[in-house]
Amino acid sequence: MAIVRKYRVLVVDDSPVMQALISRMLSSMSEVEVVVTALDAFEARLDRLVNGAFARAFTADRKSTRL
């Protein structure tokens, strides 16, 4: 039996609607796990430091504040 590794992804977007859409789309893929959603890079980094959430990839809104 093969061990399936999931890609842990961080979703950063200043729009809660887009966060939800992107998270839902990525979560529908069996090889992806959304570990954190954040409004900006500062919030994402804070969540990583406080909760130890580590992601191998991220999505970000290029016009996002504090990125």
C-alpha atoms as a PDB file:
ATOM      1  CA  MET A   1       0.000   0.000   0.000  1.00  0.00           C
ATOM      2  CA  ALA A   2       1.481   3.332  -1.079  1.00  0.00           C
ATOM      3  CA  ILE A   3       1.569   6.272   1.265  1.00  0.00           C
ATOM      4  CA  VAL A   4      -0.076   9.288  -0.333  1.00  0.00           C
ATOM      5  CA  ARG A   5       1.465  12.598   0.625  1.00  0.00           C
ATOM      6  CA  LYS A   6      -0.781  15.593   0.516  1.00  0.00           C
ATOM      7  CA  TYR A   7       0.405  19.005  -0.595  1.00  0.00           C
ATOM      8  CA  ARG A   8      -0.232  21.364   2.303  1.00  0.00           C
ATOM      9  CA  VAL A   9      -1.389  24.705   0.901  1.00  0.00           C
ATOM     10  CA  LEU A  10      -1.801  28.159   2.393  1.00  0.00           C
ATOM     11  CA  VAL A  11      -4.503  30.351   0.798  1.00  0.00           C
ATOM     12  CA  VAL A  12      -3.919  34.114   1.152  1.00  0.00           C
ATOM     13  CA  ASP A  13      -6.532  36.491  -0.245  1.00  0.00           C
ATOM     14  CA  ASP A  14      -8.060  39.706   1.095  1.00  0.00           C
ATOM     15  CA  SER A  15     -11.493  38.584  -0.104  1.00  0.00           C
ATOM     16  CA  PRO A  16     -13.214  36.001   2.126  1.00  0.00           C
ATOM     17  CA  VAL A  17     -15.312  34.940  -0.881  1.00  0.00           C
ATOM     18  CA  MET A  18     -12.202  34.196  -2.954  1.00  0.00           C
ATOM     19  CA  GLN A  19     -10.593  32.425   0.027  1.00  0.00           C
ATOM     20  CA  ALA A  20     -13.602  30.140   0.220  1.00  0.00           C
ATOM     21  CA  LEU A  21     -13.724  29.489  -3.546  1.00  0.00           C
ATOM     22  CA  ILE A  22     -10.015  28.738  -3.821  1.00  0.00           C
ATOM     23  CA  SER A  23     -10.045  26.605  -0.664  1.00  0.00           C
ATOM     24  CA  ARG A  24     -13.059  24.614  -1.866  1.00  0.00           C
ATOM     25  CA  MET A  25     -11.485  24.060  -5.295  1.00  0.00           C
ATOM     26  CA  LEU A  26      -8.159  22.919  -3.818  1.00  0.00           C
ATOM     27  CA  SER A  27      -9.794  20.765  -1.126  1.00  0.00           C
ATOM     28  CA  SER A  28     -11.688  18.865  -3.796  1.00  0.00           C
ATOM     29  CA  MET A  29      -8.346  17.439  -4.955  1.00  0.00           C
ATOM     30  CA  SER A  30      -7.397  14.325  -3.018  1.00  0.00           C
ATOM     31  CA  GLU A  31      -3.699  15.235  -2.989  1.00  0.00           C
ATOM     32  CA  VAL A  32      -4.209  18.737  -1.516  1.00  0.00           C
ATOM     33  CA  GLU A  33      -4.848  19.843   2.056  1.00  0.00           C
ATOM     34  CA  VAL A  34      -5.593  23.516   2.757  1.00  0.00           C
ATOM     35  CA  VAL A  35      -3.908  24.155   6.112  1.00  0.00           C
ATOM     36  CA  VAL A  36      -4.515  27.891   6.573  1.00  0.00           C
ATOM     37  CA  THR A  37      -6.533  30.703   5.039  1.00  0.00           C
ATOM     38  CA  ALA A  38      -5.488  34.275   5.734  1.00  0.00           C
ATOM     39  CA  LEU A  39      -6.422  37.807   4.672  1.00  0.00           C
ATOM     40  CA  ASP A  40      -2.804  38.883   4.136  1.00  0.00           C
ATOM     41  CA  ALA A  41       0.774  37.683   4.479  1.00  0.00           C
ATOM     42  CA  PHE A  42       1.103  39.109   7.983  1.00  0.00           C
ATOM     43  CA  GLU A  43      -1.887  37.094   9.201  1.00  0.00           C
ATOM     44  CA  ALA A  44      -0.604  33.976   7.422  1.00  0.00           C
ATOM     45  CA  ARG A  45       2.809  34.286   9.045  1.00  0.00           C
ATOM     46  CA  LEU A  46       1.282  34.921  12.465  1.00  0.00           C
ATOM     47  CA  ASP A  47      -0.901  31.810  12.116  1.00  0.00           C
ATOM     48  CA  ARG A  48       2.144  29.784  11.093  1.00  0.00           C
ATOM     49  CA  LEU A  49       4.114  30.976  14.114  1.00  0.00           C
ATOM     50  CA  VAL A  50       1.279  30.491  16.609  1.00  0.00           C
ATOM     51  CA  ASN A  51      -0.210  27.244  15.321  1.00  0.00           C
ATOM     52  CA  GLY A  52       2.792  25.699  13.585  1.00  0.00           C
ATOM     53  CA  ALA A  53       0.916  25.474  10.286  1.00  0.00           C
ATOM     54  CA  PHE A  54       3.475  24.624   7.633  1.00  0.00           C
ATOM     55  CA  ALA A  55       2.612  24.658   3.948  1.00  0.00           C
ATOM     56  CA  ARG A  56       4.605  23.470   0.936  1.00  0.00           C
ATOM     57  CA  ALA A  57       2.765  25.841  -1.405  1.00  0.00           C
ATOM     58  CA  PHE A  58       0.609  28.932  -1.255  1.00  0.00           C
ATOM     59  CA  THR A  59      -1.801  30.983  -3.317  1.00  0.00           C
ATOM     60  CA  ALA A  60      -1.882  34.753  -3.002  1.00  0.00           C
ATOM     61  CA  ASP A  61      -3.749  37.694  -4.423  1.00  0.00           C
ATOM     62  CA  ARG A  62      -1.060  39.752  -6.132  1.00  0.00           C
ATOM     63  CA  LYS A  63      -2.818  42.972  -5.154  1.00  0.00           C
ATOM     64  CA  SER A  64      -3.179  41.926  -1.542  1.00  0.00           C
ATOM     65  CA  THR A  65      -2.147  44.369   1.153  1.00  0.00           C
ATOM     66  CA  ARG A  66       0.812  43.596   3.425  1.00  0.00           C
ATOM     67  CA  LEU A  67       2.169  40.916   1.104  1.00  0.00           C
END
